[in-house]
């Protein structure tokens, strides 16, 4: 798990998992750059439309919640 957090591109995970994480990263950092080809790539590697919808919803939800917390100055307890 730590290797995924540190740098998922070098983590020992499947090509399918890496593509999903590239999509999640792109959705988080540069939403407007998402194109149909990104979704097609996920389909081509084996994700169903429902899978892609779920990935999108989870990533988007966490981005939303994090932005609310950041905007209110909320800090996690350690």
PDB file of N, CA and C in Angstrom:
ATOM      1  N   UNK A   1       0.820  -1.187   0.000  1.00  0.00           N
ATOM      2  CA  UNK A   1       0.000   0.000   0.000  1.00  0.00           C
ATOM      3  C   UNK A   1       0.870   1.260   0.000  1.00  0.00           C
ATOM      4  N   UNK A   2       1.921   1.257   0.804  1.00  0.00           N
ATOM      5  CA  UNK A   2       2.794   2.432   0.893  1.00  0.00           C
ATOM      6  C   UNK A   2       3.409   2.765  -0.464  1.00  0.00           C
ATOM      7  N   UNK A   3       3.785   1.733  -1.206  1.00  0.00           N
ATOM      8  CA  UNK A   3       4.396   1.993  -2.520  1.00  0.00           C
ATOM      9  C   UNK A   3       3.393   2.632  -3.491  1.00  0.00           C
ATOM     10  N   UNK A   4       2.127   2.337  -3.327  1.00  0.00           N
ATOM     11  CA  UNK A   4       1.104   2.959  -4.168  1.00  0.00           C
ATOM     12  C   UNK A   4       0.961   4.434  -3.802  1.00  0.00           C
ATOM     13  N   UNK A   5       0.963   4.721  -2.524  1.00  0.00           N
ATOM     14  CA  UNK A   5       0.857   6.109  -2.054  1.00  0.00           C
ATOM     15  C   UNK A   5       2.091   6.902  -2.464  1.00  0.00           C
ATOM     16  N   UNK A   6       3.259   6.297  -2.315  1.00  0.00           N
ATOM     17  CA  UNK A   6       4.514   6.987  -2.652  1.00  0.00           C
ATOM     18  C   UNK A   6       4.616   7.284  -4.147  1.00  0.00           C
ATOM     19  N   UNK A   7       4.355   6.291  -4.988  1.00  0.00           N
ATOM     20  CA  UNK A   7       4.428   6.467  -6.437  1.00  0.00           C
ATOM     21  C   UNK A   7       3.796   5.260  -7.113  1.00  0.00           C
ATOM     22  N   UNK A   8       2.522   5.377  -7.415  1.00  0.00           N
ATOM     23  CA  UNK A   8       1.807   4.235  -7.982  1.00  0.00           C
ATOM     24  C   UNK A   8       2.395   3.784  -9.315  1.00  0.00           C
ATOM     25  N   UNK A   9       3.092   4.679 -10.022  1.00  0.00           N
ATOM     26  CA  UNK A   9       3.656   4.307 -11.325  1.00  0.00           C
ATOM     27  C   UNK A   9       4.773   3.277 -11.175  1.00  0.00           C
ATOM     28  N   UNK A  10       5.373   3.209  -9.989  1.00  0.00           N
ATOM     29  CA  UNK A  10       6.448   2.249  -9.738  1.00  0.00           C
ATOM     30  C   UNK A  10       5.991   1.092  -8.856  1.00  0.00           C
ATOM     31  N   UNK A  11       4.748   1.121  -8.437  1.00  0.00           N
ATOM     32  CA  UNK A  11       4.220   0.089  -7.540  1.00  0.00           C
ATOM     33  C   UNK A  11       4.028  -1.230  -8.292  1.00  0.00           C
ATOM     34  N   UNK A  12       4.090  -2.303  -7.539  1.00  0.00           N
ATOM     35  CA  UNK A  12       3.895  -3.643  -8.099  1.00  0.00           C
ATOM     36  C   UNK A  12       2.394  -3.945  -8.144  1.00  0.00           C
ATOM     37  N   UNK A  13       1.718  -3.324  -9.125  1.00  0.00           N
ATOM     38  CA  UNK A  13       0.291  -3.516  -9.334  1.00  0.00           C
ATOM     39  C   UNK A  13       0.055  -3.798 -10.811  1.00  0.00           C
ATOM     40  N   UNK A  14      -1.131  -4.241 -11.124  1.00  0.00           N
ATOM     41  CA  UNK A  14      -1.421  -4.602 -12.512  1.00  0.00           C
ATOM     42  C   UNK A  14      -1.505  -3.367 -13.409  1.00  0.00           C
ATOM     43  N   UNK A  15      -1.388  -3.615 -14.694  1.00  0.00           N
ATOM     44  CA  UNK A  15      -1.523  -2.549 -15.692  1.00  0.00           C
ATOM     45  C   UNK A  15      -2.922  -1.920 -15.589  1.00  0.00           C
ATOM     46  N   UNK A  16      -3.913  -2.755 -15.342  1.00  0.00           N
ATOM     47  CA  UNK A  16      -5.297  -2.282 -15.199  1.00  0.00           C
ATOM     48  C   UNK A  16      -5.421  -1.334 -14.005  1.00  0.00           C
ATOM     49  N   UNK A  17      -4.805  -1.708 -12.882  1.00  0.00           N
ATOM     50  CA  UNK A  17      -4.843  -0.856 -11.688  1.00  0.00           C
ATOM     51  C   UNK A  17      -4.114   0.467 -11.935  1.00  0.00           C
ATOM     52  N   UNK A  18      -2.987   0.403 -12.627  1.00  0.00           N
ATOM     53  CA  UNK A  18      -2.243   1.636 -12.929  1.00  0.00           C
ATOM     54  C   UNK A  18      -3.053   2.568 -13.815  1.00  0.00           C
ATOM     55  N   UNK A  19      -3.721   2.016 -14.820  1.00  0.00           N
ATOM     56  CA  UNK A  19      -4.526   2.853 -15.704  1.00  0.00           C
ATOM     57  C   UNK A  19      -5.664   3.516 -14.921  1.00  0.00           C
ATOM     58  N   UNK A  20      -6.270   2.769 -14.003  1.00  0.00           N
ATOM     59  CA  UNK A  20      -7.318   3.333 -13.160  1.00  0.00           C
ATOM     60  C   UNK A  20      -6.768   4.485 -12.326  1.00  0.00           C
ATOM     61  N   UNK A  21      -5.570   4.323 -11.779  1.00  0.00           N
ATOM     62  CA  UNK A  21      -4.971   5.370 -10.952  1.00  0.00           C
ATOM     63  C   UNK A  21      -4.534   6.573 -11.787  1.00  0.00           C
ATOM     64  N   UNK A  22      -4.074   6.345 -13.011  1.00  0.00           N
ATOM     65  CA  UNK A  22      -3.781   7.471 -13.910  1.00  0.00           C
ATOM     66  C   UNK A  22      -5.054   8.279 -14.166  1.00  0.00           C
ATOM     67  N   UNK A  23      -6.154   7.579 -14.391  1.00  0.00           N
ATOM     68  CA  UNK A  23      -7.437   8.255 -14.610  1.00  0.00           C
ATOM     69  C   UNK A  23      -7.830   9.044 -13.366  1.00  0.00           C
ATOM     70  N   UNK A  24      -7.709   8.434 -12.189  1.00  0.00           N
ATOM     71  CA  UNK A  24      -8.058   9.107 -10.932  1.00  0.00           C
ATOM     72  C   UNK A  24      -7.186  10.346 -10.724  1.00  0.00           C
ATOM     73  N   UNK A  25      -5.909  10.229 -11.017  1.00  0.00           N
ATOM     74  CA  UNK A  25      -4.985  11.364 -10.875  1.00  0.00           C
ATOM     75  C   UNK A  25      -5.374  12.494 -11.829  1.00  0.00           C
ATOM     76  N   UNK A  26      -5.662  12.131 -13.063  1.00  0.00           N
ATOM     77  CA  UNK A  26      -6.048  13.133 -14.068  1.00  0.00           C
ATOM     78  C   UNK A  26      -7.364  13.798 -13.684  1.00  0.00           C
ATOM     79  N   UNK A  27      -8.311  13.014 -13.195  1.00  0.00           N
ATOM     80  CA  UNK A  27      -9.593  13.557 -12.764  1.00  0.00           C
ATOM     81  C   UNK A  27      -9.414  14.508 -11.589  1.00  0.00           C
ATOM     82  N   UNK A  28      -8.468  14.227 -10.736  1.00  0.00           N
ATOM     83  CA  UNK A  28      -8.199  15.056  -9.557  1.00  0.00           C
ATOM     84  C   UNK A  28      -7.423  16.323  -9.911  1.00  0.00           C
ATOM     85  N   UNK A  29      -6.397  16.186 -10.725  1.00  0.00           N
ATOM     86  CA  UNK A  29      -5.471  17.299 -10.954  1.00  0.00           C
ATOM     87  C   UNK A  29      -5.780  18.148 -12.180  1.00  0.00           C
ATOM     88  N   UNK A  30      -6.467  17.582 -13.162  1.00  0.00           N
ATOM     89  CA  UNK A  30      -6.708  18.323 -14.406  1.00  0.00           C
ATOM     90  C   UNK A  30      -8.003  17.844 -15.056  1.00  0.00           C
ATOM     91  N   UNK A  31      -9.087  18.058 -14.355  1.00  0.00           N
ATOM     92  CA  UNK A  31     -10.393  17.536 -14.757  1.00  0.00           C
ATOM     93  C   UNK A  31     -10.749  17.867 -16.200  1.00  0.00           C
ATOM     94  N   UNK A  32     -10.471  19.064 -16.623  1.00  0.00           N
ATOM     95  CA  UNK A  32     -10.871  19.471 -17.974  1.00  0.00           C
ATOM     96  C   UNK A  32     -10.110  18.730 -19.069  1.00  0.00           C
ATOM     97  N   UNK A  33      -9.043  18.032 -18.703  1.00  0.00           N
ATOM     98  CA  UNK A  33      -8.277  17.304 -19.713  1.00  0.00           C
ATOM     99  C   UNK A  33      -8.835  15.902 -19.968  1.00  0.00           C
ATOM    100  N   UNK A  34      -9.810  15.471 -19.187  1.00  0.00           N
ATOM    101  CA  UNK A  34     -10.418  14.161 -19.404  1.00  0.00           C
ATOM    102  C   UNK A  34     -11.144  14.180 -20.744  1.00  0.00           C
ATOM    103  N   UNK A  35     -10.836  13.202 -21.557  1.00  0.00           N
ATOM    104  CA  UNK A  35     -11.439  13.076 -22.890  1.00  0.00           C
ATOM    105  C   UNK A  35     -12.052  11.686 -23.044  1.00  0.00           C
ATOM    106  N   UNK A  36     -12.821  11.531 -24.098  1.00  0.00           N
ATOM    107  CA  UNK A  36     -13.448  10.235 -24.366  1.00  0.00           C
ATOM    108  C   UNK A  36     -12.400   9.125 -24.449  1.00  0.00           C
ATOM    109  N   UNK A  37     -11.227   9.449 -24.971  1.00  0.00           N
ATOM    110  CA  UNK A  37     -10.173   8.434 -25.103  1.00  0.00           C
ATOM    111  C   UNK A  37      -9.751   7.867 -23.743  1.00  0.00           C
ATOM    112  N   UNK A  38      -9.871   8.677 -22.683  1.00  0.00           N
ATOM    113  CA  UNK A  38      -9.528   8.184 -21.343  1.00  0.00           C
ATOM    114  C   UNK A  38     -10.516   7.107 -20.903  1.00  0.00           C
ATOM    115  N   UNK A  39     -11.779   7.346 -21.185  1.00  0.00           N
ATOM    116  CA  UNK A  39     -12.815   6.365 -20.844  1.00  0.00           C
ATOM    117  C   UNK A  39     -12.678   5.125 -21.722  1.00  0.00           C
ATOM    118  N   UNK A  40     -12.408   5.320 -22.998  1.00  0.00           N
ATOM    119  CA  UNK A  40     -12.228   4.202 -23.926  1.00  0.00           C
ATOM    120  C   UNK A  40     -11.049   3.332 -23.479  1.00  0.00           C
ATOM    121  N   UNK A  41      -9.980   3.952 -23.032  1.00  0.00           N
ATOM    122  CA  UNK A  41      -8.814   3.190 -22.559  1.00  0.00           C
ATOM    123  C   UNK A  41      -9.188   2.311 -21.370  1.00  0.00           C
ATOM    124  N   UNK A  42     -10.008   2.849 -20.466  1.00  0.00           N
ATOM    125  CA  UNK A  42     -10.461   2.051 -19.323  1.00  0.00           C
ATOM    126  C   UNK A  42     -11.324   0.880 -19.791  1.00  0.00           C
ATOM    127  N   UNK A  43     -12.200   1.132 -20.748  1.00  0.00           N
ATOM    128  CA  UNK A  43     -13.029   0.041 -21.302  1.00  0.00           C
ATOM    129  C   UNK A  43     -12.146  -1.016 -21.954  1.00  0.00           C
ATOM    130  N   UNK A  44     -11.172  -0.557 -22.734  1.00  0.00           N
ATOM    131  CA  UNK A  44     -10.317  -1.489 -23.482  1.00  0.00           C
ATOM    132  C   UNK A  44      -9.490  -2.391 -22.585  1.00  0.00           C
ATOM    133  N   UNK A  45      -9.211  -1.938 -21.374  1.00  0.00           N
ATOM    134  CA  UNK A  45      -8.407  -2.760 -20.473  1.00  0.00           C
ATOM    135  C   UNK A  45      -9.287  -3.653 -19.592  1.00  0.00           C
ATOM    136  N   UNK A  46     -10.617  -3.503 -19.720  1.00  0.00           N
ATOM    137  CA  UNK A  46     -11.502  -4.439 -19.032  1.00  0.00           C
ATOM    138  C   UNK A  46     -12.490  -3.865 -18.039  1.00  0.00           C
ATOM    139  N   UNK A  47     -12.498  -2.548 -17.864  1.00  0.00           N
ATOM    140  CA  UNK A  47     -13.476  -1.949 -16.969  1.00  0.00           C
ATOM    141  C   UNK A  47     -14.812  -1.820 -17.690  1.00  0.00           C
ATOM    142  N   UNK A  48     -15.890  -2.131 -16.986  1.00  0.00           N
ATOM    143  CA  UNK A  48     -17.223  -1.939 -17.545  1.00  0.00           C
ATOM    144  C   UNK A  48     -17.618  -0.475 -17.375  1.00  0.00           C
ATOM    145  N   UNK A  49     -18.674  -0.086 -18.044  1.00  0.00           N
ATOM    146  CA  UNK A  49     -19.166   1.281 -17.872  1.00  0.00           C
ATOM    147  C   UNK A  49     -19.545   1.531 -16.412  1.00  0.00           C
ATOM    148  N   UNK A  50     -20.103   0.530 -15.756  1.00  0.00           N
ATOM    149  CA  UNK A  50     -20.457   0.675 -14.332  1.00  0.00           C
ATOM    150  C   UNK A  50     -19.187   0.860 -13.492  1.00  0.00           C
ATOM    151  N   UNK A  51     -18.137   0.099 -13.796  1.00  0.00           N
ATOM    152  CA  UNK A  51     -16.860   0.257 -13.085  1.00  0.00           C
ATOM    153  C   UNK A  51     -16.332   1.675 -13.233  1.00  0.00           C
ATOM    154  N   UNK A  52     -16.363   2.184 -14.459  1.00  0.00           N
ATOM    155  CA  UNK A  52     -15.845   3.520 -14.743  1.00  0.00           C
ATOM    156  C   UNK A  52     -16.677   4.571 -14.009  1.00  0.00           C
ATOM    157  N   UNK A  53     -17.982   4.391 -14.003  1.00  0.00           N
ATOM    158  CA  UNK A  53     -18.861   5.295 -13.263  1.00  0.00           C
ATOM    159  C   UNK A  53     -18.504   5.275 -11.775  1.00  0.00           C
ATOM    160  N   UNK A  54     -18.310   4.076 -11.223  1.00  0.00           N
ATOM    161  CA  UNK A  54     -17.969   3.955  -9.804  1.00  0.00           C
ATOM    162  C   UNK A  54     -16.623   4.610  -9.488  1.00  0.00           C
ATOM    163  N   UNK A  55     -15.628   4.386 -10.333  1.00  0.00           N
ATOM    164  CA  UNK A  55     -14.315   5.022 -10.140  1.00  0.00           C
ATOM    165  C   UNK A  55     -14.480   6.534 -10.144  1.00  0.00           C
ATOM    166  N   UNK A  56     -15.209   7.033 -11.127  1.00  0.00           N
ATOM    167  CA  UNK A  56     -15.434   8.469 -11.245  1.00  0.00           C
ATOM    168  C   UNK A  56     -16.141   9.017 -10.004  1.00  0.00           C
ATOM    169  N   UNK A  57     -17.147   8.319  -9.528  1.00  0.00           N
ATOM    170  CA  UNK A  57     -17.906   8.790  -8.377  1.00  0.00           C
ATOM    171  C   UNK A  57     -17.069   8.803  -7.096  1.00  0.00           C
ATOM    172  N   UNK A  58     -16.287   7.761  -6.874  1.00  0.00           N
ATOM    173  CA  UNK A  58     -15.451   7.696  -5.666  1.00  0.00           C
ATOM    174  C   UNK A  58     -14.391   8.791  -5.690  1.00  0.00           C
ATOM    175  N   UNK A  59     -13.698   8.934  -6.807  1.00  0.00           N
ATOM    176  CA  UNK A  59     -12.664   9.964  -6.922  1.00  0.00           C
ATOM    177  C   UNK A  59     -13.274  11.353  -6.760  1.00  0.00           C
ATOM    178  N   UNK A  60     -14.371  11.587  -7.443  1.00  0.00           N
ATOM    179  CA  UNK A  60     -15.025  12.895  -7.371  1.00  0.00           C
ATOM    180  C   UNK A  60     -15.522  13.206  -5.962  1.00  0.00           C
ATOM    181  N   UNK A  61     -16.073  12.214  -5.286  1.00  0.00           N
ATOM    182  CA  UNK A  61     -16.566  12.417  -3.926  1.00  0.00           C
ATOM    183  C   UNK A  61     -15.418  12.804  -2.985  1.00  0.00           C
ATOM    184  N   UNK A  62     -14.306  12.066  -3.051  1.00  0.00           N
ATOM    185  CA  UNK A  62     -13.187  12.388  -2.170  1.00  0.00           C
ATOM    186  C   UNK A  62     -12.601  13.754  -2.492  1.00  0.00           C
ATOM    187  N   UNK A  63     -12.555  14.112  -3.770  1.00  0.00           N
ATOM    188  CA  UNK A  63     -12.092  15.454  -4.136  1.00  0.00           C
ATOM    189  C   UNK A  63     -13.021  16.512  -3.559  1.00  0.00           C
ATOM    190  N   UNK A  64     -14.309  16.285  -3.658  1.00  0.00           N
ATOM    191  CA  UNK A  64     -15.314  17.213  -3.126  1.00  0.00           C
ATOM    192  C   UNK A  64     -15.149  17.393  -1.614  1.00  0.00           C
ATOM    193  N   UNK A  65     -15.083  16.295  -0.903  1.00  0.00           N
ATOM    194  CA  UNK A  65     -14.964  16.355   0.555  1.00  0.00           C
ATOM    195  C   UNK A  65     -13.658  17.025   0.973  1.00  0.00           C
ATOM    196  N   UNK A  66     -12.576  16.701   0.288  1.00  0.00           N
ATOM    197  CA  UNK A  66     -11.290  17.322   0.613  1.00  0.00           C
ATOM    198  C   UNK A  66     -11.308  18.821   0.371  1.00  0.00           C
ATOM    199  N   UNK A  67     -11.962  19.259  -0.676  1.00  0.00           N
ATOM    200  CA  UNK A  67     -12.038  20.691  -0.959  1.00  0.00           C
ATOM    201  C   UNK A  67     -12.889  21.423   0.084  1.00  0.00           C
ATOM    202  N   UNK A  68     -13.949  20.792   0.525  1.00  0.00           N
ATOM    203  CA  UNK A  68     -14.750  21.390   1.596  1.00  0.00           C
ATOM    204  C   UNK A  68     -13.903  21.521   2.858  1.00  0.00           C
ATOM    205  N   UNK A  69     -13.227  20.450   3.240  1.00  0.00           N
ATOM    206  CA  UNK A  69     -12.393  20.476   4.447  1.00  0.00           C
ATOM    207  C   UNK A  69     -11.286  21.517   4.322  1.00  0.00           C
ATOM    208  N   UNK A  70     -10.612  21.531   3.178  1.00  0.00           N
ATOM    209  CA  UNK A  70      -9.543  22.513   2.976  1.00  0.00           C
ATOM    210  C   UNK A  70     -10.098  23.933   3.018  1.00  0.00           C
ATOM    211  N   UNK A  71     -11.249  24.148   2.394  1.00  0.00           N
ATOM    212  CA  UNK A  71     -11.853  25.469   2.341  1.00  0.00           C
ATOM    213  C   UNK A  71     -12.300  25.976   3.704  1.00  0.00           C
ATOM    214  N   UNK A  72     -12.538  25.067   4.615  1.00  0.00           N
ATOM    215  CA  UNK A  72     -12.940  25.445   5.971  1.00  0.00           C
ATOM    216  C   UNK A  72     -11.784  25.411   6.959  1.00  0.00           C
ATOM    217  N   UNK A  73     -10.606  25.059   6.457  1.00  0.00           N
ATOM    218  CA  UNK A  73      -9.434  25.014   7.325  1.00  0.00           C
ATOM    219  C   UNK A  73      -9.398  23.806   8.248  1.00  0.00           C
ATOM    220  N   UNK A  74     -10.151  22.772   7.912  1.00  0.00           N
ATOM    221  CA  UNK A  74     -10.186  21.560   8.734  1.00  0.00           C
ATOM    222  C   UNK A  74      -8.875  20.800   8.561  1.00  0.00           C
ATOM    223  N   UNK A  75      -8.302  20.391   9.658  1.00  0.00           N
ATOM    224  CA  UNK A  75      -7.064  19.603   9.629  1.00  0.00           C
ATOM    225  C   UNK A  75      -7.322  18.279  10.322  1.00  0.00           C
ATOM    226  N   UNK A  76      -6.743  17.225   9.773  1.00  0.00           N
ATOM    227  CA  UNK A  76      -6.891  15.900  10.355  1.00  0.00           C
ATOM    228  C   UNK A  76      -6.106  15.786  11.654  1.00  0.00           C
ATOM    229  N   UNK A  77      -6.692  15.054  12.581  1.00  0.00           N
ATOM    230  CA  UNK A  77      -5.966  14.777  13.823  1.00  0.00           C
ATOM    231  C   UNK A  77      -4.914  13.715  13.536  1.00  0.00           C
ATOM    232  N   UNK A  78      -3.778  13.842  14.211  1.00  0.00           N
ATOM    233  CA  UNK A  78      -2.711  12.847  14.019  1.00  0.00           C
ATOM    234  C   UNK A  78      -2.487  12.081  15.267  1.00  0.00           C
TER     235      UNK A  78
END
